[in-house]
Amino acid sequence: MLMIRLQRTGRKNDPQFRVVVTEKQNGPKSGKFLEVLGSYNPKLGNFAVKKEKVQEWIAQGAQMSDTIFNHLVKEGIIEGKKKNVLPKKSPSPKRKEKK
């Protein structure tokens, strides 16, 4: 299955990401991808993608990571409601109810 997701390219303490199309089995650090669709710089808040290419890959059946989905909704490229990408809170194993 094809995925549209982020691939980190920045140096230590200077994150930058590519928006790439890759097979789901490939790890994010493998460097294997089919096409670069754009870039994302979280420090500056820049998110740039090729709108036509993204829509073309989605039409071919590529799935998106939740983060990419949220960015595309924010940019108005696709319609939908943002997804929660934060992990759900669970109670600490140390804390037990007192009787």
C-alpha atoms as a PDB file:
ATOM      1  CA  MET A   1       0.000   0.000   0.000  1.00  0.00           C
ATOM      2  CA  LEU A   2       1.246   3.486  -0.852  1.00  0.00           C
ATOM      3  CA  MET A   3       1.493   6.136   1.856  1.00  0.00           C
ATOM      4  CA  ILE A   4       1.911   9.896   1.742  1.00  0.00           C
ATOM      5  CA  ARG A   5       3.936  10.802   4.818  1.00  0.00           C
ATOM      6  CA  LEU A   6       6.785  12.858   6.229  1.00  0.00           C
ATOM      7  CA  GLN A   7      10.462  11.924   5.900  1.00  0.00           C
ATOM      8  CA  ARG A   8      12.905  13.769   8.141  1.00  0.00           C
ATOM      9  CA  THR A   9      15.843  15.416   6.390  1.00  0.00           C
ATOM     10  CA  GLY A  10      16.994  18.065   8.871  1.00  0.00           C
ATOM     11  CA  ARG A  11      20.038  18.071  11.095  1.00  0.00           C
ATOM     12  CA  LYS A  12      20.057  17.536  14.843  1.00  0.00           C
ATOM     13  CA  ASN A  13      17.852  20.153  16.566  1.00  0.00           C
ATOM     14  CA  ASP A  14      16.891  21.592  13.155  1.00  0.00           C
ATOM     15  CA  PRO A  15      13.966  19.495  11.892  1.00  0.00           C
ATOM     16  CA  GLN A  16      12.909  19.659   8.268  1.00  0.00           C
ATOM     17  CA  PHE A  17      10.734  17.164   6.464  1.00  0.00           C
ATOM     18  CA  ARG A  18       9.934  16.044   2.930  1.00  0.00           C
ATOM     19  CA  VAL A  19       6.415  15.032   1.971  1.00  0.00           C
ATOM     20  CA  VAL A  20       6.943  11.768   0.079  1.00  0.00           C
ATOM     21  CA  VAL A  21       5.009   8.895  -1.467  1.00  0.00           C
ATOM     22  CA  THR A  22       6.409   5.537  -0.371  1.00  0.00           C
ATOM     23  CA  GLU A  23       5.435   1.949   0.314  1.00  0.00           C
ATOM     24  CA  LYS A  24       4.020   1.491   3.809  1.00  0.00           C
ATOM     25  CA  GLN A  25       6.587  -1.247   4.609  1.00  0.00           C
ATOM     26  CA  ASN A  26       9.527   1.142   4.046  1.00  0.00           C
ATOM     27  CA  GLY A  27      10.753   2.762   7.219  1.00  0.00           C
ATOM     28  CA  PRO A  28      10.682   6.547   7.478  1.00  0.00           C
ATOM     29  CA  LYS A  29      14.495   6.676   7.558  1.00  0.00           C
ATOM     30  CA  SER A  30      15.061   4.180   4.725  1.00  0.00           C
ATOM     31  CA  GLY A  31      15.415   6.869   2.053  1.00  0.00           C
ATOM     32  CA  LYS A  32      13.236   4.861  -0.345  1.00  0.00           C
ATOM     33  CA  PHE A  33      10.387   6.790  -1.915  1.00  0.00           C
ATOM     34  CA  LEU A  34       8.605   7.093  -5.241  1.00  0.00           C
ATOM     35  CA  GLU A  35       8.170  10.857  -5.433  1.00  0.00           C
ATOM     36  CA  VAL A  36       8.750  14.015  -3.395  1.00  0.00           C
ATOM     37  CA  LEU A  37       5.531  16.026  -3.161  1.00  0.00           C
ATOM     38  CA  GLY A  38       6.674  18.936  -1.010  1.00  0.00           C
ATOM     39  CA  SER A  39       8.357  20.034   2.206  1.00  0.00           C
ATOM     40  CA  TYR A  40       7.566  21.064   5.775  1.00  0.00           C
ATOM     41  CA  ASN A  41       9.614  23.221   8.141  1.00  0.00           C
ATOM     42  CA  PRO A  42       8.026  23.130  11.619  1.00  0.00           C
ATOM     43  CA  LYS A  43      10.237  25.901  13.044  1.00  0.00           C
ATOM     44  CA  LEU A  44       9.092  28.423  10.435  1.00  0.00           C
ATOM     45  CA  GLY A  45       5.668  26.851   9.938  1.00  0.00           C
ATOM     46  CA  ASN A  46       6.204  26.507   6.176  1.00  0.00           C
ATOM     47  CA  PHE A  47       4.208  23.732   4.518  1.00  0.00           C
ATOM     48  CA  ALA A  48       4.443  23.551   0.734  1.00  0.00           C
ATOM     49  CA  VAL A  49       3.101  20.735  -1.466  1.00  0.00           C
ATOM     50  CA  LYS A  50       2.267  20.220  -5.123  1.00  0.00           C
ATOM     51  CA  LYS A  51      -1.535  20.229  -4.956  1.00  0.00           C
ATOM     52  CA  GLU A  52      -2.112  18.493  -8.298  1.00  0.00           C
ATOM     53  CA  LYS A  53       0.381  15.699  -7.535  1.00  0.00           C
ATOM     54  CA  VAL A  54      -1.143  15.068  -4.098  1.00  0.00           C
ATOM     55  CA  GLN A  55      -4.635  14.785  -5.559  1.00  0.00           C
ATOM     56  CA  GLU A  56      -3.307  12.504  -8.309  1.00  0.00           C
ATOM     57  CA  TRP A  57      -1.731  10.091  -5.789  1.00  0.00           C
ATOM     58  CA  ILE A  58      -4.873  10.099  -3.628  1.00  0.00           C
ATOM     59  CA  ALA A  59      -6.933   9.245  -6.732  1.00  0.00           C
ATOM     60  CA  GLN A  60      -4.574   6.299  -7.354  1.00  0.00           C
ATOM     61  CA  GLY A  61      -5.327   4.986  -3.851  1.00  0.00           C
ATOM     62  CA  ALA A  62      -2.450   6.315  -1.736  1.00  0.00           C
ATOM     63  CA  GLN A  63      -3.276   6.639   1.973  1.00  0.00           C
ATOM     64  CA  MET A  64      -2.118   9.578   4.110  1.00  0.00           C
ATOM     65  CA  SER A  65      -0.590   9.689   7.560  1.00  0.00           C
ATOM     66  CA  ASP A  66      -2.705  11.532  10.125  1.00  0.00           C
ATOM     67  CA  THR A  67      -0.254  14.454  10.262  1.00  0.00           C
ATOM     68  CA  ILE A  68      -0.270  14.908   6.496  1.00  0.00           C
ATOM     69  CA  PHE A  69      -4.077  14.621   6.491  1.00  0.00           C
ATOM     70  CA  ASN A  70      -4.316  17.454   9.054  1.00  0.00           C
ATOM     71  CA  HIS A  71      -1.941  19.674   7.059  1.00  0.00           C
ATOM     72  CA  LEU A  72      -3.860  19.096   3.820  1.00  0.00           C
ATOM     73  CA  VAL A  73      -7.159  19.934   5.543  1.00  0.00           C
ATOM     74  CA  LYS A  74      -5.586  23.112   6.967  1.00  0.00           C
ATOM     75  CA  GLU A  75      -4.308  24.158   3.517  1.00  0.00           C
ATOM     76  CA  GLY A  76      -7.734  23.455   1.973  1.00  0.00           C
ATOM     77  CA  ILE A  77      -6.432  20.822  -0.455  1.00  0.00           C
ATOM     78  CA  ILE A  78      -8.838  18.176   0.841  1.00  0.00           C
ATOM     79  CA  GLU A  79     -12.124  18.338   2.746  1.00  0.00           C
ATOM     80  CA  GLY A  80     -12.653  16.821   6.157  1.00  0.00           C
ATOM     81  CA  LYS A  81     -12.272  17.173   9.880  1.00  0.00           C
ATOM     82  CA  LYS A  82      -8.834  17.096  11.489  1.00  0.00           C
ATOM     83  CA  LYS A  83      -7.765  13.903  13.274  1.00  0.00           C
ATOM     84  CA  ASN A  84      -6.298  13.715  16.770  1.00  0.00           C
ATOM     85  CA  VAL A  85      -2.670  12.625  16.402  1.00  0.00           C
ATOM     86  CA  LEU A  86      -1.739  12.856  20.078  1.00  0.00           C
ATOM     87  CA  PRO A  87      -1.593   9.622  22.077  1.00  0.00           C
ATOM     88  CA  LYS A  88      -4.458   8.882  24.444  1.00  0.00           C
ATOM     89  CA  LYS A  89      -3.708   9.409  28.112  1.00  0.00           C
ATOM     90  CA  SER A  90      -3.638   6.318  30.276  1.00  0.00           C
ATOM     91  CA  PRO A  91      -3.371   6.129  34.056  1.00  0.00           C
ATOM     92  CA  SER A  92       0.089   5.728  35.484  1.00  0.00           C
ATOM     93  CA  PRO A  93       0.801   2.192  36.779  1.00  0.00           C
ATOM     94  CA  LYS A  94       2.302   3.676  39.965  1.00  0.00           C
ATOM     95  CA  ARG A  95      -0.848   5.508  40.890  1.00  0.00           C
ATOM     96  CA  LYS A  96      -3.417   3.206  42.455  1.00  0.00           C
ATOM     97  CA  GLU A  97      -6.679   4.121  44.054  1.00  0.00           C
ATOM     98  CA  LYS A  98      -6.531   4.436  47.818  1.00  0.00           C
ATOM     99  CA  LYS A  99      -9.186   2.681  49.877  1.00  0.00           C
END
